[in-house]
């Protein structure tokens, strides 16, 4: 009797797990569609320029300190926007 009860409980747990997995995959498809609709194109060359350490060094060497800090701040904010 105990063995039969354990088997029934395990069967219900297995059924619940299967239903949970199936529903999870179905919901993921919907989420991916929503995500795909929110994707935006990225200008990779511009982004690389914003995060390029050599470009930062060039600006540091060729701009006054105050101007460099302002431009560097704008560059970092722009990189975050990407």
PDB file of N, CA and C in Angstrom:
ATOM      1  N   UNK A   1       0.818  -1.193   0.000  1.00  0.00           N
ATOM      2  CA  UNK A   1       0.000   0.000   0.000  1.00  0.00           C
ATOM      3  C   UNK A   1       0.866   1.262   0.000  1.00  0.00           C
ATOM      4  N   UNK A   2       1.909   1.249   0.803  1.00  0.00           N
ATOM      5  CA  UNK A   2       2.797   2.410   0.866  1.00  0.00           C
ATOM      6  C   UNK A   2       3.512   2.594  -0.473  1.00  0.00           C
ATOM      7  N   UNK A   3       3.931   1.497  -1.065  1.00  0.00           N
ATOM      8  CA  UNK A   3       4.622   1.566  -2.352  1.00  0.00           C
ATOM      9  C   UNK A   3       3.710   2.168  -3.422  1.00  0.00           C
ATOM     10  N   UNK A   4       2.463   1.787  -3.425  1.00  0.00           N
ATOM     11  CA  UNK A   4       1.508   2.324  -4.395  1.00  0.00           C
ATOM     12  C   UNK A   4       1.316   3.822  -4.177  1.00  0.00           C
ATOM     13  N   UNK A   5       1.238   4.253  -2.940  1.00  0.00           N
ATOM     14  CA  UNK A   5       1.080   5.676  -2.631  1.00  0.00           C
ATOM     15  C   UNK A   5       2.300   6.470  -3.088  1.00  0.00           C
ATOM     16  N   UNK A   6       3.475   5.931  -2.871  1.00  0.00           N
ATOM     17  CA  UNK A   6       4.709   6.604  -3.288  1.00  0.00           C
ATOM     18  C   UNK A   6       4.745   6.725  -4.808  1.00  0.00           C
ATOM     19  N   UNK A   7       4.354   5.680  -5.501  1.00  0.00           N
ATOM     20  CA  UNK A   7       4.347   5.708  -6.965  1.00  0.00           C
ATOM     21  C   UNK A   7       3.353   6.748  -7.479  1.00  0.00           C
ATOM     22  N   UNK A   8       2.187   6.833  -6.870  1.00  0.00           N
ATOM     23  CA  UNK A   8       1.185   7.822  -7.282  1.00  0.00           C
ATOM     24  C   UNK A   8       1.708   9.241  -7.048  1.00  0.00           C
ATOM     25  N   UNK A   9       2.311   9.471  -5.907  1.00  0.00           N
ATOM     26  CA  UNK A   9       2.855  10.801  -5.604  1.00  0.00           C
ATOM     27  C   UNK A   9       3.962  11.150  -6.596  1.00  0.00           C
ATOM     28  N   UNK A  10       4.844  10.209  -6.875  1.00  0.00           N
ATOM     29  CA  UNK A  10       5.919  10.454  -7.839  1.00  0.00           C
ATOM     30  C   UNK A  10       5.364  10.718  -9.239  1.00  0.00           C
ATOM     31  N   UNK A  11       4.310  10.024  -9.599  1.00  0.00           N
ATOM     32  CA  UNK A  11       3.688  10.240 -10.905  1.00  0.00           C
ATOM     33  C   UNK A  11       3.112  11.651 -10.997  1.00  0.00           C
ATOM     34  N   UNK A  12       2.453  12.110  -9.935  1.00  0.00           N
ATOM     35  CA  UNK A  12       1.918  13.472  -9.932  1.00  0.00           C
ATOM     36  C   UNK A  12       3.039  14.510  -9.987  1.00  0.00           C
ATOM     37  N   UNK A  13       4.108  14.256  -9.262  1.00  0.00           N
ATOM     38  CA  UNK A  13       5.244  15.174  -9.301  1.00  0.00           C
ATOM     39  C   UNK A  13       5.863  15.223 -10.700  1.00  0.00           C
ATOM     40  N   UNK A  14       5.984  14.070 -11.329  1.00  0.00           N
ATOM     41  CA  UNK A  14       6.531  14.022 -12.687  1.00  0.00           C
ATOM     42  C   UNK A  14       5.620  14.766 -13.656  1.00  0.00           C
ATOM     43  N   UNK A  15       4.319  14.576 -13.523  1.00  0.00           N
ATOM     44  CA  UNK A  15       3.361  15.273 -14.377  1.00  0.00           C
ATOM     45  C   UNK A  15       3.452  16.781 -14.168  1.00  0.00           C
ATOM     46  N   UNK A  16       3.531  17.197 -12.924  1.00  0.00           N
ATOM     47  CA  UNK A  16       3.659  18.621 -12.614  1.00  0.00           C
ATOM     48  C   UNK A  16       4.944  19.186 -13.222  1.00  0.00           C
ATOM     49  N   UNK A  17       6.029  18.459 -13.103  1.00  0.00           N
ATOM     50  CA  UNK A  17       7.308  18.906 -13.655  1.00  0.00           C
ATOM     51  C   UNK A  17       7.235  19.026 -15.176  1.00  0.00           C
ATOM     52  N   UNK A  18       6.640  18.059 -15.817  1.00  0.00           N
ATOM     53  CA  UNK A  18       6.508  18.098 -17.277  1.00  0.00           C
ATOM     54  C   UNK A  18       5.661  19.290 -17.708  1.00  0.00           C
ATOM     55  N   UNK A  19       4.549  19.521 -17.039  1.00  0.00           N
ATOM     56  CA  UNK A  19       3.697  20.668 -17.376  1.00  0.00           C
ATOM     57  C   UNK A  19       4.424  21.987 -17.137  1.00  0.00           C
ATOM     58  N   UNK A  20       5.175  22.058 -16.074  1.00  0.00           N
ATOM     59  CA  UNK A  20       5.934  23.274 -15.766  1.00  0.00           C
ATOM     60  C   UNK A  20       6.980  23.554 -16.848  1.00  0.00           C
ATOM     61  N   UNK A  21       7.672  22.525 -17.286  1.00  0.00           N
ATOM     62  CA  UNK A  21       8.694  22.688 -18.319  1.00  0.00           C
ATOM     63  C   UNK A  21       8.053  23.105 -19.638  1.00  0.00           C
ATOM     64  N   UNK A  22       6.955  22.481 -19.999  1.00  0.00           N
ATOM     65  CA  UNK A  22       6.283  22.815 -21.255  1.00  0.00           C
ATOM     66  C   UNK A  22       5.776  24.254 -21.225  1.00  0.00           C
ATOM     67  N   UNK A  23       5.169  24.668 -20.148  1.00  0.00           N
ATOM     68  CA  UNK A  23       4.691  26.049 -20.040  1.00  0.00           C
ATOM     69  C   UNK A  23       5.858  27.025 -20.046  1.00  0.00           C
ATOM     70  N   UNK A  24       6.945  26.656 -19.421  1.00  0.00           N
ATOM     71  CA  UNK A  24       8.120  27.522 -19.381  1.00  0.00           C
ATOM     72  C   UNK A  24       8.681  27.765 -20.765  1.00  0.00           C
ATOM     73  N   UNK A  25       8.749  26.745 -21.589  1.00  0.00           N
ATOM     74  CA  UNK A  25       9.258  26.908 -22.948  1.00  0.00           C
ATOM     75  C   UNK A  25       8.310  27.751 -23.785  1.00  0.00           C
ATOM     76  N   UNK A  26       7.043  27.595 -23.583  1.00  0.00           N
ATOM     77  CA  UNK A  26       6.071  28.387 -24.337  1.00  0.00           C
ATOM     78  C   UNK A  26       6.190  29.864 -23.969  1.00  0.00           C
ATOM     79  N   UNK A  27       6.332  30.162 -22.703  1.00  0.00           N
ATOM     80  CA  UNK A  27       6.450  31.553 -22.258  1.00  0.00           C
ATOM     81  C   UNK A  27       7.752  32.167 -22.748  1.00  0.00           C
ATOM     82  N   UNK A  28       8.812  31.381 -22.824  1.00  0.00           N
ATOM     83  CA  UNK A  28      10.096  31.892 -23.286  1.00  0.00           C
ATOM     84  C   UNK A  28       9.996  32.367 -24.725  1.00  0.00           C
ATOM     85  N   UNK A  29       9.276  31.667 -25.553  1.00  0.00           N
ATOM     86  CA  UNK A  29       9.099  32.089 -26.936  1.00  0.00           C
ATOM     87  C   UNK A  29       8.443  33.451 -27.022  1.00  0.00           C
ATOM     88  N   UNK A  30       7.466  33.692 -26.195  1.00  0.00           N
ATOM     89  CA  UNK A  30       6.782  34.976 -26.164  1.00  0.00           C
ATOM     90  C   UNK A  30       7.748  36.066 -25.693  1.00  0.00           C
ATOM     91  N   UNK A  31       8.533  35.766 -24.677  1.00  0.00           N
ATOM     92  CA  UNK A  31       9.496  36.737 -24.174  1.00  0.00           C
ATOM     93  C   UNK A  31      10.549  37.069 -25.226  1.00  0.00           C
ATOM     94  N   UNK A  32      10.970  36.076 -25.982  1.00  0.00           N
ATOM     95  CA  UNK A  32      11.959  36.321 -27.027  1.00  0.00           C
ATOM     96  C   UNK A  32      11.385  37.206 -28.125  1.00  0.00           C
ATOM     97  N   UNK A  33      10.124  37.029 -28.441  1.00  0.00           N
ATOM     98  CA  UNK A  33       9.492  37.893 -29.439  1.00  0.00           C
ATOM     99  C   UNK A  33       9.444  39.333 -28.950  1.00  0.00           C
ATOM    100  N   UNK A  34       9.134  39.511 -27.680  1.00  0.00           N
ATOM    101  CA  UNK A  34       9.114  40.863 -27.115  1.00  0.00           C
ATOM    102  C   UNK A  34      10.516  41.459 -27.127  1.00  0.00           C
ATOM    103  N   UNK A  35      11.496  40.657 -26.790  1.00  0.00           N
ATOM    104  CA  UNK A  35      12.874  41.133 -26.786  1.00  0.00           C
ATOM    105  C   UNK A  35      13.314  41.514 -28.193  1.00  0.00           C
ATOM    106  N   UNK A  36      12.988  40.697 -29.162  1.00  0.00           N
ATOM    107  CA  UNK A  36      13.383  40.973 -30.542  1.00  0.00           C
ATOM    108  C   UNK A  36      12.778  42.281 -31.037  1.00  0.00           C
ATOM    109  N   UNK A  37      11.589  42.604 -30.592  1.00  0.00           N
ATOM    110  CA  UNK A  37      10.962  43.849 -31.031  1.00  0.00           C
ATOM    111  C   UNK A  37      11.633  45.069 -30.407  1.00  0.00           C
ATOM    112  N   UNK A  38      12.382  44.879 -29.334  1.00  0.00           N
ATOM    113  CA  UNK A  38      13.048  45.997 -28.657  1.00  0.00           C
ATOM    114  C   UNK A  38      14.505  46.164 -29.069  1.00  0.00           C
ATOM    115  N   UNK A  39      15.028  45.268 -29.894  1.00  0.00           N
ATOM    116  CA  UNK A  39      16.425  45.361 -30.311  1.00  0.00           C
ATOM    117  C   UNK A  39      16.650  46.592 -31.172  1.00  0.00           C
ATOM    118  N   UNK A  40      17.828  47.182 -31.022  1.00  0.00           N
ATOM    119  CA  UNK A  40      18.187  48.353 -31.806  1.00  0.00           C
ATOM    120  C   UNK A  40      19.538  48.107 -32.466  1.00  0.00           C
ATOM    121  N   UNK A  41      19.718  48.702 -33.627  1.00  0.00           N
ATOM    122  CA  UNK A  41      20.996  48.580 -34.325  1.00  0.00           C
ATOM    123  C   UNK A  41      22.066  49.360 -33.560  1.00  0.00           C
ATOM    124  N   UNK A  42      23.286  48.852 -33.601  1.00  0.00           N
ATOM    125  CA  UNK A  42      24.400  49.494 -32.906  1.00  0.00           C
ATOM    126  C   UNK A  42      25.502  49.781 -33.920  1.00  0.00           C
ATOM    127  N   UNK A  43      26.009  51.006 -33.899  1.00  0.00           N
ATOM    128  CA  UNK A  43      27.159  51.364 -34.728  1.00  0.00           C
ATOM    129  C   UNK A  43      28.405  50.877 -33.992  1.00  0.00           C
ATOM    130  N   UNK A  44      28.895  49.723 -34.394  1.00  0.00           N
ATOM    131  CA  UNK A  44      29.991  49.068 -33.681  1.00  0.00           C
ATOM    132  C   UNK A  44      31.257  49.914 -33.723  1.00  0.00           C
ATOM    133  N   UNK A  45      31.552  50.518 -34.857  1.00  0.00           N
ATOM    134  CA  UNK A  45      32.763  51.340 -34.953  1.00  0.00           C
ATOM    135  C   UNK A  45      32.704  52.529 -34.000  1.00  0.00           C
ATOM    136  N   UNK A  46      31.557  53.161 -33.911  1.00  0.00           N
ATOM    137  CA  UNK A  46      31.415  54.294 -32.995  1.00  0.00           C
ATOM    138  C   UNK A  46      31.555  53.837 -31.545  1.00  0.00           C
ATOM    139  N   UNK A  47      30.965  52.695 -31.219  1.00  0.00           N
ATOM    140  CA  UNK A  47      31.071  52.178 -29.854  1.00  0.00           C
ATOM    141  C   UNK A  47      32.517  51.840 -29.513  1.00  0.00           C
ATOM    142  N   UNK A  48      33.202  51.198 -30.439  1.00  0.00           N
ATOM    143  CA  UNK A  48      34.617  50.872 -30.199  1.00  0.00           C
ATOM    144  C   UNK A  48      35.436  52.131 -29.979  1.00  0.00           C
ATOM    145  N   UNK A  49      35.137  53.174 -30.736  1.00  0.00           N
ATOM    146  CA  UNK A  49      35.850  54.436 -30.569  1.00  0.00           C
ATOM    147  C   UNK A  49      35.602  55.019 -29.179  1.00  0.00           C
ATOM    148  N   UNK A  50      34.383  54.894 -28.699  1.00  0.00           N
ATOM    149  CA  UNK A  50      34.052  55.442 -27.379  1.00  0.00           C
ATOM    150  C   UNK A  50      34.785  54.728 -26.246  1.00  0.00           C
ATOM    151  N   UNK A  51      35.066  53.453 -26.411  1.00  0.00           N
ATOM    152  CA  UNK A  51      35.703  52.701 -25.329  1.00  0.00           C
ATOM    153  C   UNK A  51      37.185  52.431 -25.590  1.00  0.00           C
ATOM    154  N   UNK A  52      37.723  52.984 -26.665  1.00  0.00           N
ATOM    155  CA  UNK A  52      39.119  52.752 -27.030  1.00  0.00           C
ATOM    156  C   UNK A  52      40.058  53.501 -26.082  1.00  0.00           C
ATOM    157  N   UNK A  53      40.951  52.771 -25.446  1.00  0.00           N
ATOM    158  CA  UNK A  53      41.896  53.379 -24.506  1.00  0.00           C
ATOM    159  C   UNK A  53      42.908  54.270 -25.226  1.00  0.00           C
ATOM    160  N   UNK A  54      43.276  53.886 -26.449  1.00  0.00           N
ATOM    161  CA  UNK A  54      44.224  54.723 -27.204  1.00  0.00           C
ATOM    162  C   UNK A  54      43.600  56.068 -27.546  1.00  0.00           C
ATOM    163  N   UNK A  55      42.320  56.066 -27.872  1.00  0.00           N
ATOM    164  CA  UNK A  55      41.621  57.322 -28.154  1.00  0.00           C
ATOM    165  C   UNK A  55      41.566  58.194 -26.899  1.00  0.00           C
ATOM    166  N   UNK A  56      41.338  57.552 -25.770  1.00  0.00           N
ATOM    167  CA  UNK A  56      41.316  58.283 -24.503  1.00  0.00           C
ATOM    168  C   UNK A  56      42.677  58.920 -24.222  1.00  0.00           C
ATOM    169  N   UNK A  57      43.740  58.170 -24.445  1.00  0.00           N
ATOM    170  CA  UNK A  57      45.088  58.718 -24.232  1.00  0.00           C
ATOM    171  C   UNK A  57      45.368  59.876 -25.186  1.00  0.00           C
ATOM    172  N   UNK A  58      44.937  59.738 -26.430  1.00  0.00           N
ATOM    173  CA  UNK A  58      45.128  60.813 -27.403  1.00  0.00           C
ATOM    174  C   UNK A  58      44.419  62.085 -26.940  1.00  0.00           C
ATOM    175  N   UNK A  59      43.180  61.930 -26.520  1.00  0.00           N
ATOM    176  CA  UNK A  59      42.430  63.101 -26.053  1.00  0.00           C
ATOM    177  C   UNK A  59      43.064  63.699 -24.801  1.00  0.00           C
ATOM    178  N   UNK A  60      43.536  62.849 -23.915  1.00  0.00           N
ATOM    179  CA  UNK A  60      44.169  63.328 -22.684  1.00  0.00           C
ATOM    180  C   UNK A  60      45.412  64.162 -23.006  1.00  0.00           C
ATOM    181  N   UNK A  61      46.177  63.727 -24.003  1.00  0.00           N
ATOM    182  CA  UNK A  61      47.411  64.423 -24.370  1.00  0.00           C
ATOM    183  C   UNK A  61      47.160  65.711 -25.146  1.00  0.00           C
ATOM    184  N   UNK A  62      46.051  65.786 -25.882  1.00  0.00           N
ATOM    185  CA  UNK A  62      45.837  66.912 -26.783  1.00  0.00           C
ATOM    186  C   UNK A  62      44.778  67.913 -26.317  1.00  0.00           C
ATOM    187  N   UNK A  63      44.146  67.661 -25.201  1.00  0.00           N
ATOM    188  CA  UNK A  63      43.130  68.591 -24.705  1.00  0.00           C
ATOM    189  C   UNK A  63      43.519  69.102 -23.322  1.00  0.00           C
ATOM    190  N   UNK A  64      43.086  70.317 -23.010  1.00  0.00           N
ATOM    191  CA  UNK A  64      43.278  70.782 -21.632  1.00  0.00           C
ATOM    192  C   UNK A  64      42.529  69.856 -20.666  1.00  0.00           C
ATOM    193  N   UNK A  65      43.031  69.745 -19.450  1.00  0.00           N
ATOM    194  CA  UNK A  65      42.481  68.800 -18.469  1.00  0.00           C
ATOM    195  C   UNK A  65      40.981  68.978 -18.265  1.00  0.00           C
ATOM    196  N   UNK A  66      40.544  70.192 -18.114  1.00  0.00           N
ATOM    197  CA  UNK A  66      39.118  70.450 -17.868  1.00  0.00           C
ATOM    198  C   UNK A  66      38.260  70.012 -19.056  1.00  0.00           C
ATOM    199  N   UNK A  67      38.712  70.342 -20.253  1.00  0.00           N
ATOM    200  CA  UNK A  67      37.965  69.959 -21.454  1.00  0.00           C
ATOM    201  C   UNK A  67      37.974  68.436 -21.628  1.00  0.00           C
ATOM    202  N   UNK A  68      39.125  67.821 -21.343  1.00  0.00           N
ATOM    203  CA  UNK A  68      39.213  66.364 -21.444  1.00  0.00           C
ATOM    204  C   UNK A  68      38.211  65.683 -20.515  1.00  0.00           C
ATOM    205  N   UNK A  69      38.137  66.151 -19.275  1.00  0.00           N
ATOM    206  CA  UNK A  69      37.206  65.528 -18.320  1.00  0.00           C
ATOM    207  C   UNK A  69      35.765  65.632 -18.803  1.00  0.00           C
ATOM    208  N   UNK A  70      35.399  66.790 -19.346  1.00  0.00           N
ATOM    209  CA  UNK A  70      34.034  66.961 -19.848  1.00  0.00           C
ATOM    210  C   UNK A  70      33.739  66.047 -21.026  1.00  0.00           C
ATOM    211  N   UNK A  71      34.676  65.992 -21.951  1.00  0.00           N
ATOM    212  CA  UNK A  71      34.477  65.140 -23.128  1.00  0.00           C
ATOM    213  C   UNK A  71      34.494  63.670 -22.732  1.00  0.00           C
ATOM    214  N   UNK A  72      35.385  63.310 -21.825  1.00  0.00           N
ATOM    215  CA  UNK A  72      35.452  61.913 -21.393  1.00  0.00           C
ATOM    216  C   UNK A  72      34.157  61.500 -20.700  1.00  0.00           C
ATOM    217  N   UNK A  73      33.598  62.401 -19.939  1.00  0.00           N
ATOM    218  CA  UNK A  73      32.317  62.109 -19.277  1.00  0.00           C
ATOM    219  C   UNK A  73      31.227  61.879 -20.324  1.00  0.00           C
ATOM    220  N   UNK A  74      31.187  62.729 -21.336  1.00  0.00           N
ATOM    221  CA  UNK A  74      30.202  62.568 -22.411  1.00  0.00           C
ATOM    222  C   UNK A  74      30.417  61.258 -23.160  1.00  0.00           C
ATOM    223  N   UNK A  75      31.672  60.897 -23.383  1.00  0.00           N
ATOM    224  CA  UNK A  75      31.970  59.644 -24.084  1.00  0.00           C
ATOM    225  C   UNK A  75      31.505  58.440 -23.268  1.00  0.00           C
ATOM    226  N   UNK A  76      31.728  58.476 -21.969  1.00  0.00           N
ATOM    227  CA  UNK A  76      31.297  57.360 -21.121  1.00  0.00           C
ATOM    228  C   UNK A  76      29.777  57.259 -21.068  1.00  0.00           C
ATOM    229  N   UNK A  77      29.109  58.396 -20.981  1.00  0.00           N
ATOM    230  CA  UNK A  77      27.641  58.369 -20.979  1.00  0.00           C
ATOM    231  C   UNK A  77      27.104  57.841 -22.309  1.00  0.00           C
ATOM    232  N   UNK A  78      27.754  58.231 -23.403  1.00  0.00           N
ATOM    233  CA  UNK A  78      27.334  57.733 -24.715  1.00  0.00           C
ATOM    234  C   UNK A  78      27.554  56.222 -24.815  1.00  0.00           C
ATOM    235  N   UNK A  79      28.665  55.734 -24.267  1.00  0.00           N
ATOM    236  CA  UNK A  79      28.932  54.288 -24.288  1.00  0.00           C
ATOM    237  C   UNK A  79      27.881  53.544 -23.474  1.00  0.00           C
ATOM    238  N   UNK A  80      27.461  54.124 -22.373  1.00  0.00           N
ATOM    239  CA  UNK A  80      26.421  53.494 -21.553  1.00  0.00           C
ATOM    240  C   UNK A  80      25.108  53.432 -22.324  1.00  0.00           C
ATOM    241  N   UNK A  81      24.828  54.454 -23.122  1.00  0.00           N
ATOM    242  CA  UNK A  81      23.597  54.478 -23.916  1.00  0.00           C
ATOM    243  C   UNK A  81      23.547  53.317 -24.901  1.00  0.00           C
ATOM    244  N   UNK A  82      24.708  52.915 -25.406  1.00  0.00           N
ATOM    245  CA  UNK A  82      24.745  51.784 -26.334  1.00  0.00           C
ATOM    246  C   UNK A  82      24.295  50.542 -25.606  1.00  0.00           C
TER     247      UNK A  82
END
